[in-house]
Amino acid sequence: MRIGIRVTGHLIDFCSVDALDVPEGASIADAIDLLGIPIEQVGLVSIDGQAVSRAKRSDTRLSEGNEMVVMAPLTGG
């Protein structure tokens, strides 16, 4: 199945695709792994505009046509 992808910040250095084919039943964590982004580099992840906590990324299954945004952690001061 195919999902839309938007990667922001320095994570673009790892991946700059706008769509990804994932197996049926893939989780958010699976998709991040397929993108080649180290999990410790990921900040916020949202699916169709809804933020998904780190604790739920392995359990949240993706569906055909989902839009996933992967952002680097926000830092600053």
N, C-alpha and C. Protein backbone atom coordinates (compact mmCIF):
# COMPACT_ATOMS: atom_id res chain seq x y z
N MET A 1 0.85 -1.18 0.00
CA MET A 1 0.00 0.00 0.00
C MET A 1 0.89 1.24 0.00
N ARG A 2 0.34 2.33 -0.41
CA ARG A 2 1.12 3.57 -0.56
C ARG A 2 0.62 4.64 0.40
N ILE A 3 1.58 5.30 1.07
CA ILE A 3 1.26 6.42 1.96
C ILE A 3 2.05 7.64 1.51
N GLY A 4 1.52 8.81 1.80
CA GLY A 4 2.24 10.05 1.53
C GLY A 4 3.22 10.33 2.66
N ILE A 5 4.34 10.95 2.32
CA ILE A 5 5.39 11.23 3.31
C ILE A 5 5.83 12.67 3.18
N ARG A 6 6.00 13.34 4.32
CA ARG A 6 6.68 14.63 4.35
C ARG A 6 7.68 14.58 5.49
N VAL A 7 8.93 14.80 5.16
CA VAL A 7 10.02 14.79 6.14
C VAL A 7 10.53 16.22 6.26
N THR A 8 10.75 16.68 7.48
CA THR A 8 11.17 18.06 7.69
C THR A 8 12.51 18.15 8.41
N GLY A 9 13.05 19.35 8.41
CA GLY A 9 14.30 19.62 9.12
C GLY A 9 15.46 18.83 8.57
N HIS A 10 16.41 18.54 9.43
CA HIS A 10 17.62 17.83 9.00
C HIS A 10 17.34 16.38 8.59
N LEU A 11 16.15 15.89 8.87
CA LEU A 11 15.81 14.52 8.48
C LEU A 11 15.75 14.36 6.97
N ILE A 12 15.65 15.47 6.26
CA ILE A 12 15.68 15.43 4.80
C ILE A 12 17.00 14.83 4.31
N ASP A 13 18.07 14.96 5.11
CA ASP A 13 19.35 14.36 4.75
C ASP A 13 19.26 12.83 4.67
N PHE A 14 18.35 12.24 5.43
CA PHE A 14 18.17 10.79 5.41
C PHE A 14 17.21 10.36 4.30
N CYS A 15 16.23 11.19 4.04
CA CYS A 15 15.17 10.79 3.13
C CYS A 15 14.43 12.01 2.60
N SER A 16 14.18 12.03 1.30
CA SER A 16 13.43 13.16 0.74
C SER A 16 12.39 12.68 -0.27
N VAL A 17 11.68 11.61 0.05
CA VAL A 17 10.63 11.10 -0.82
C VAL A 17 9.29 11.74 -0.45
N ASP A 18 8.34 11.66 -1.35
CA ASP A 18 7.02 12.19 -1.03
C ASP A 18 5.96 11.09 -0.90
N ALA A 19 6.37 9.85 -1.13
CA ALA A 19 5.46 8.70 -0.96
C ALA A 19 6.30 7.47 -0.64
N LEU A 20 5.65 6.49 -0.03
CA LEU A 20 6.35 5.28 0.37
C LEU A 20 5.41 4.10 0.25
N ASP A 21 5.90 3.01 -0.33
CA ASP A 21 5.14 1.76 -0.36
C ASP A 21 5.51 0.96 0.87
N VAL A 22 4.51 0.62 1.66
CA VAL A 22 4.72 -0.17 2.88
C VAL A 22 3.85 -1.42 2.81
N PRO A 23 4.28 -2.49 3.48
CA PRO A 23 3.46 -3.70 3.47
C PRO A 23 2.14 -3.49 4.23
N GLU A 24 1.15 -4.25 3.86
CA GLU A 24 -0.14 -4.22 4.57
C GLU A 24 0.13 -4.50 6.05
N GLY A 25 -0.48 -3.72 6.93
CA GLY A 25 -0.31 -3.92 8.37
C GLY A 25 0.92 -3.24 8.95
N ALA A 26 1.64 -2.46 8.14
CA ALA A 26 2.85 -1.78 8.63
C ALA A 26 2.48 -0.73 9.67
N SER A 27 3.37 -0.57 10.64
CA SER A 27 3.19 0.44 11.68
C SER A 27 3.96 1.71 11.30
N ILE A 28 3.74 2.74 12.08
CA ILE A 28 4.52 3.97 11.90
C ILE A 28 6.00 3.67 12.08
N ALA A 29 6.35 2.90 13.10
CA ALA A 29 7.76 2.55 13.33
C ALA A 29 8.34 1.81 12.13
N ASP A 30 7.55 0.92 11.52
CA ASP A 30 8.01 0.20 10.33
C ASP A 30 8.32 1.17 9.19
N ALA A 31 7.43 2.15 8.99
CA ALA A 31 7.61 3.12 7.91
C ALA A 31 8.86 3.97 8.15
N ILE A 32 9.08 4.39 9.38
CA ILE A 32 10.27 5.19 9.70
C ILE A 32 11.52 4.38 9.40
N ASP A 33 11.49 3.10 9.76
CA ASP A 33 12.62 2.22 9.47
C ASP A 33 12.85 2.10 7.96
N LEU A 34 11.78 1.93 7.18
CA LEU A 34 11.90 1.85 5.73
C LEU A 34 12.47 3.14 5.13
N LEU A 35 12.20 4.27 5.76
CA LEU A 35 12.73 5.55 5.29
C LEU A 35 14.22 5.68 5.59
N GLY A 36 14.75 4.85 6.49
CA GLY A 36 16.17 4.90 6.83
C GLY A 36 16.51 6.00 7.81
N ILE A 37 15.51 6.48 8.54
CA ILE A 37 15.73 7.53 9.53
C ILE A 37 15.96 6.88 10.88
N PRO A 38 17.09 7.17 11.54
CA PRO A 38 17.31 6.62 12.88
C PRO A 38 16.20 7.09 13.84
N ILE A 39 15.61 6.16 14.53
CA ILE A 39 14.45 6.46 15.39
C ILE A 39 14.77 7.52 16.43
N GLU A 40 16.02 7.56 16.91
CA GLU A 40 16.38 8.56 17.92
C GLU A 40 16.46 9.97 17.34
N GLN A 41 16.46 10.10 16.02
CA GLN A 41 16.48 11.40 15.36
C GLN A 41 15.08 11.97 15.14
N VAL A 42 14.05 11.17 15.39
CA VAL A 42 12.68 11.57 15.10
C VAL A 42 12.06 12.27 16.29
N GLY A 43 11.43 13.40 16.02
CA GLY A 43 10.68 14.13 17.05
C GLY A 43 9.21 13.79 16.92
N LEU A 44 8.45 14.71 16.36
CA LEU A 44 7.01 14.53 16.19
C LEU A 44 6.70 13.75 14.93
N VAL A 45 5.72 12.86 15.04
CA VAL A 45 5.17 12.15 13.88
C VAL A 45 3.67 12.37 13.90
N SER A 46 3.12 12.71 12.74
CA SER A 46 1.66 12.82 12.66
C SER A 46 1.16 12.01 11.48
N ILE A 47 -0.06 11.51 11.64
CA ILE A 47 -0.75 10.78 10.59
C ILE A 47 -2.05 11.52 10.32
N ASP A 48 -2.20 11.97 9.08
CA ASP A 48 -3.39 12.72 8.69
C ASP A 48 -3.69 13.87 9.65
N GLY A 49 -2.63 14.55 10.08
CA GLY A 49 -2.77 15.73 10.94
C GLY A 49 -2.90 15.45 12.42
N GLN A 50 -2.87 14.19 12.82
CA GLN A 50 -2.98 13.83 14.24
C GLN A 50 -1.64 13.34 14.76
N ALA A 51 -1.12 14.01 15.79
CA ALA A 51 0.15 13.59 16.38
C ALA A 51 0.02 12.20 16.99
N VAL A 52 1.10 11.42 16.86
CA VAL A 52 1.14 10.07 17.43
C VAL A 52 2.33 10.02 18.38
N SER A 53 2.07 9.68 19.64
CA SER A 53 3.12 9.64 20.64
C SER A 53 4.14 8.55 20.34
N ARG A 54 5.35 8.72 20.87
CA ARG A 54 6.40 7.71 20.70
C ARG A 54 5.91 6.33 21.15
N ALA A 55 5.18 6.29 22.24
CA ALA A 55 4.73 5.01 22.81
C ALA A 55 3.78 4.26 21.89
N LYS A 56 3.10 4.97 20.98
CA LYS A 56 2.10 4.32 20.11
C LYS A 56 2.59 4.07 18.69
N ARG A 57 3.81 4.45 18.37
CA ARG A 57 4.30 4.33 16.99
C ARG A 57 4.45 2.89 16.51
N SER A 58 4.76 1.98 17.41
CA SER A 58 4.90 0.57 17.01
C SER A 58 3.54 -0.11 16.88
N ASP A 59 2.53 0.43 17.55
CA ASP A 59 1.20 -0.19 17.56
C ASP A 59 0.23 0.45 16.56
N THR A 60 0.54 1.66 16.10
CA THR A 60 -0.37 2.36 15.19
C THR A 60 -0.14 1.88 13.77
N ARG A 61 -1.15 1.25 13.18
CA ARG A 61 -1.07 0.71 11.83
C ARG A 61 -1.44 1.76 10.81
N LEU A 62 -0.75 1.72 9.69
CA LEU A 62 -1.00 2.64 8.59
C LEU A 62 -2.05 2.07 7.65
N SER A 63 -2.72 2.97 6.95
CA SER A 63 -3.72 2.58 5.96
C SER A 63 -3.39 3.23 4.63
N GLU A 64 -3.84 2.62 3.56
CA GLU A 64 -3.66 3.16 2.21
C GLU A 64 -4.06 4.64 2.19
N GLY A 65 -3.17 5.46 1.65
CA GLY A 65 -3.47 6.88 1.48
C GLY A 65 -3.19 7.76 2.69
N ASN A 66 -2.77 7.19 3.82
CA ASN A 66 -2.40 8.02 4.96
C ASN A 66 -1.34 9.03 4.55
N GLU A 67 -1.33 10.17 5.22
CA GLU A 67 -0.28 11.18 5.04
C GLU A 67 0.52 11.24 6.34
N MET A 68 1.78 10.87 6.28
CA MET A 68 2.64 10.85 7.47
C MET A 68 3.67 11.98 7.38
N VAL A 69 3.75 12.76 8.45
CA VAL A 69 4.75 13.81 8.56
C VAL A 69 5.73 13.39 9.65
N VAL A 70 7.02 13.44 9.33
CA VAL A 70 8.06 13.07 10.27
C VAL A 70 8.95 14.30 10.48
N MET A 71 9.01 14.77 11.73
CA MET A 71 9.79 15.97 12.04
C MET A 71 10.92 15.66 13.00
N ALA A 72 11.98 16.42 12.83
CA ALA A 72 13.11 16.35 13.76
C ALA A 72 12.67 16.94 15.10
N PRO A 73 13.33 16.56 16.20
CA PRO A 73 12.99 17.16 17.49
C PRO A 73 13.21 18.67 17.45
N LEU A 74 12.33 19.39 18.10
CA LEU A 74 12.48 20.84 18.17
C LEU A 74 13.46 21.18 19.29
N THR A 75 14.38 22.06 18.97
CA THR A 75 15.35 22.50 19.97
C THR A 75 15.46 24.02 19.89
N GLY A 76 16.07 24.57 20.86
CA GLY A 76 16.26 26.02 20.86
C GLY A 76 16.22 26.56 22.27
N GLY A 77 16.30 27.84 22.34
CA GLY A 77 16.29 28.40 23.68
C GLY A 77 16.00 29.85 23.68
